[in-house]
Amino acid sequence: MSEKIQNVPITTEFIKLESALKLANVVYSGGEAKALIQQGEALVNGEVCTMRGKKLYPGDEVEFMGNHFKICANESK
């Protein structure tokens, strides 16, 4: 697989899908994230997800508009 997976570290137990997209710098705003998620542009763990408030936990993988990233725990405290 030549696709690069970007790690997105979080400091909380979970992160909502639209917030993860902003944190990964693949959308400019929450409004943009909301519209694209509702159009079915996001895959969470290989399945289309249209819930912008979907909770993502470390280990979850997201594919969005050609970007692939994995939620991970930020171990530095």
C-alpha atoms as a PDB file:
ATOM      1  CA  MET A   1       0.000   0.000   0.000  1.00  0.00           C
ATOM      2  CA  SER A   2       1.552   3.289  -1.084  1.00  0.00           C
ATOM      3  CA  GLU A   3      -1.023   5.464   0.695  1.00  0.00           C
ATOM      4  CA  LYS A   4       0.454   7.361   3.630  1.00  0.00           C
ATOM      5  CA  ILE A   5      -1.499   7.206   6.871  1.00  0.00           C
ATOM      6  CA  GLN A   6      -1.256  10.327   9.011  1.00  0.00           C
ATOM      7  CA  ASN A   7      -1.458   9.879  12.782  1.00  0.00           C
ATOM      8  CA  VAL A   8      -3.777  12.327  14.529  1.00  0.00           C
ATOM      9  CA  PRO A   9      -2.944  12.379  18.248  1.00  0.00           C
ATOM     10  CA  ILE A  10      -5.695  13.287  20.714  1.00  0.00           C
ATOM     11  CA  THR A  11      -5.371  14.140  24.405  1.00  0.00           C
ATOM     12  CA  THR A  12      -8.925  13.140  25.336  1.00  0.00           C
ATOM     13  CA  GLU A  13     -10.726   9.780  25.441  1.00  0.00           C
ATOM     14  CA  PHE A  14     -12.378  10.441  22.065  1.00  0.00           C
ATOM     15  CA  ILE A  15     -12.790  13.116  19.395  1.00  0.00           C
ATOM     16  CA  LYS A  16     -15.799  13.844  17.219  1.00  0.00           C
ATOM     17  CA  LEU A  17     -15.423  13.217  13.495  1.00  0.00           C
ATOM     18  CA  GLU A  18     -15.814  16.852  12.427  1.00  0.00           C
ATOM     19  CA  SER A  19     -13.233  17.942  15.031  1.00  0.00           C
ATOM     20  CA  ALA A  20     -10.841  15.230  13.863  1.00  0.00           C
ATOM     21  CA  LEU A  21     -11.098  16.510  10.284  1.00  0.00           C
ATOM     22  CA  LYS A  22     -10.224  20.023  11.472  1.00  0.00           C
ATOM     23  CA  LEU A  23      -7.370  18.722  13.640  1.00  0.00           C
ATOM     24  CA  ALA A  24      -5.981  16.778  10.673  1.00  0.00           C
ATOM     25  CA  ASN A  25      -6.118  19.992   8.590  1.00  0.00           C
ATOM     26  CA  VAL A  26      -8.263  18.450   5.827  1.00  0.00           C
ATOM     27  CA  VAL A  27     -11.086  21.025   6.167  1.00  0.00           C
ATOM     28  CA  TYR A  28     -11.043  24.745   6.854  1.00  0.00           C
ATOM     29  CA  SER A  29     -14.120  24.971   9.063  1.00  0.00           C
ATOM     30  CA  GLY A  30     -16.723  23.020  10.959  1.00  0.00           C
ATOM     31  CA  GLY A  31     -19.326  24.061   8.387  1.00  0.00           C
ATOM     32  CA  GLU A  32     -17.265  22.584   5.574  1.00  0.00           C
ATOM     33  CA  ALA A  33     -16.753  19.390   7.586  1.00  0.00           C
ATOM     34  CA  LYS A  34     -20.497  19.129   8.332  1.00  0.00           C
ATOM     35  CA  ALA A  35     -21.511  19.478   4.679  1.00  0.00           C
ATOM     36  CA  LEU A  36     -18.951  16.987   3.370  1.00  0.00           C
ATOM     37  CA  ILE A  37     -19.664  14.423   6.105  1.00  0.00           C
ATOM     38  CA  GLN A  38     -23.405  14.617   5.423  1.00  0.00           C
ATOM     39  CA  GLN A  39     -22.680  14.056   1.711  1.00  0.00           C
ATOM     40  CA  GLY A  40     -21.021  10.745   2.629  1.00  0.00           C
ATOM     41  CA  GLU A  41     -17.419  11.812   1.954  1.00  0.00           C
ATOM     42  CA  ALA A  42     -16.044  10.293   5.190  1.00  0.00           C
ATOM     43  CA  LEU A  43     -15.235   6.643   5.796  1.00  0.00           C
ATOM     44  CA  VAL A  44     -14.705   5.530   9.383  1.00  0.00           C
ATOM     45  CA  ASN A  45     -13.052   2.131   9.707  1.00  0.00           C
ATOM     46  CA  GLY A  46     -13.945   1.415   6.089  1.00  0.00           C
ATOM     47  CA  GLU A  47     -17.646   2.331   6.316  1.00  0.00           C
ATOM     48  CA  VAL A  48     -19.381   5.502   5.123  1.00  0.00           C
ATOM     49  CA  CYS A  49     -20.243   7.726   8.094  1.00  0.00           C
ATOM     50  CA  THR A  50     -22.638  10.659   7.792  1.00  0.00           C
ATOM     51  CA  MET A  51     -22.683  11.517  11.519  1.00  0.00           C
ATOM     52  CA  ARG A  52     -20.442  14.516  12.127  1.00  0.00           C
ATOM     53  CA  GLY A  53     -20.629  13.872  15.879  1.00  0.00           C
ATOM     54  CA  LYS A  54     -19.400  10.274  15.502  1.00  0.00           C
ATOM     55  CA  LYS A  55     -17.029   9.567  18.383  1.00  0.00           C
ATOM     56  CA  LEU A  56     -13.596   8.382  17.288  1.00  0.00           C
ATOM     57  CA  TYR A  57     -11.248   6.579  19.652  1.00  0.00           C
ATOM     58  CA  PRO A  58      -7.546   5.717  19.366  1.00  0.00           C
ATOM     59  CA  GLY A  59      -7.172   3.038  16.710  1.00  0.00           C
ATOM     60  CA  ASP A  60     -10.036   4.305  14.542  1.00  0.00           C
ATOM     61  CA  GLU A  61      -9.126   5.050  10.923  1.00  0.00           C
ATOM     62  CA  VAL A  62     -10.677   7.739   8.736  1.00  0.00           C
ATOM     63  CA  GLU A  63     -10.560   8.199   4.976  1.00  0.00           C
ATOM     64  CA  PHE A  64     -11.679  11.577   3.697  1.00  0.00           C
ATOM     65  CA  MET A  65     -11.270  13.194   0.286  1.00  0.00           C
ATOM     66  CA  GLY A  66      -8.117  11.195  -0.512  1.00  0.00           C
ATOM     67  CA  ASN A  67      -6.635  11.579   2.981  1.00  0.00           C
ATOM     68  CA  HIS A  68      -6.166   8.618   5.316  1.00  0.00           C
ATOM     69  CA  PHE A  69      -5.504   9.082   8.990  1.00  0.00           C
ATOM     70  CA  LYS A  70      -5.562   7.146  12.229  1.00  0.00           C
ATOM     71  CA  ILE A  71      -6.618   8.451  15.622  1.00  0.00           C
ATOM     72  CA  CYS A  72      -3.967   7.782  18.272  1.00  0.00           C
ATOM     73  CA  ALA A  73      -3.465   8.670  21.915  1.00  0.00           C
ATOM     74  CA  ASN A  74      -1.050  11.507  22.591  1.00  0.00           C
ATOM     75  CA  GLU A  75       1.277   9.925  25.123  1.00  0.00           C
ATOM     76  CA  SER A  76       3.137  13.136  26.044  1.00  0.00           C
ATOM     77  CA  LYS A  77       1.710  14.793  29.145  1.00  0.00           C
END
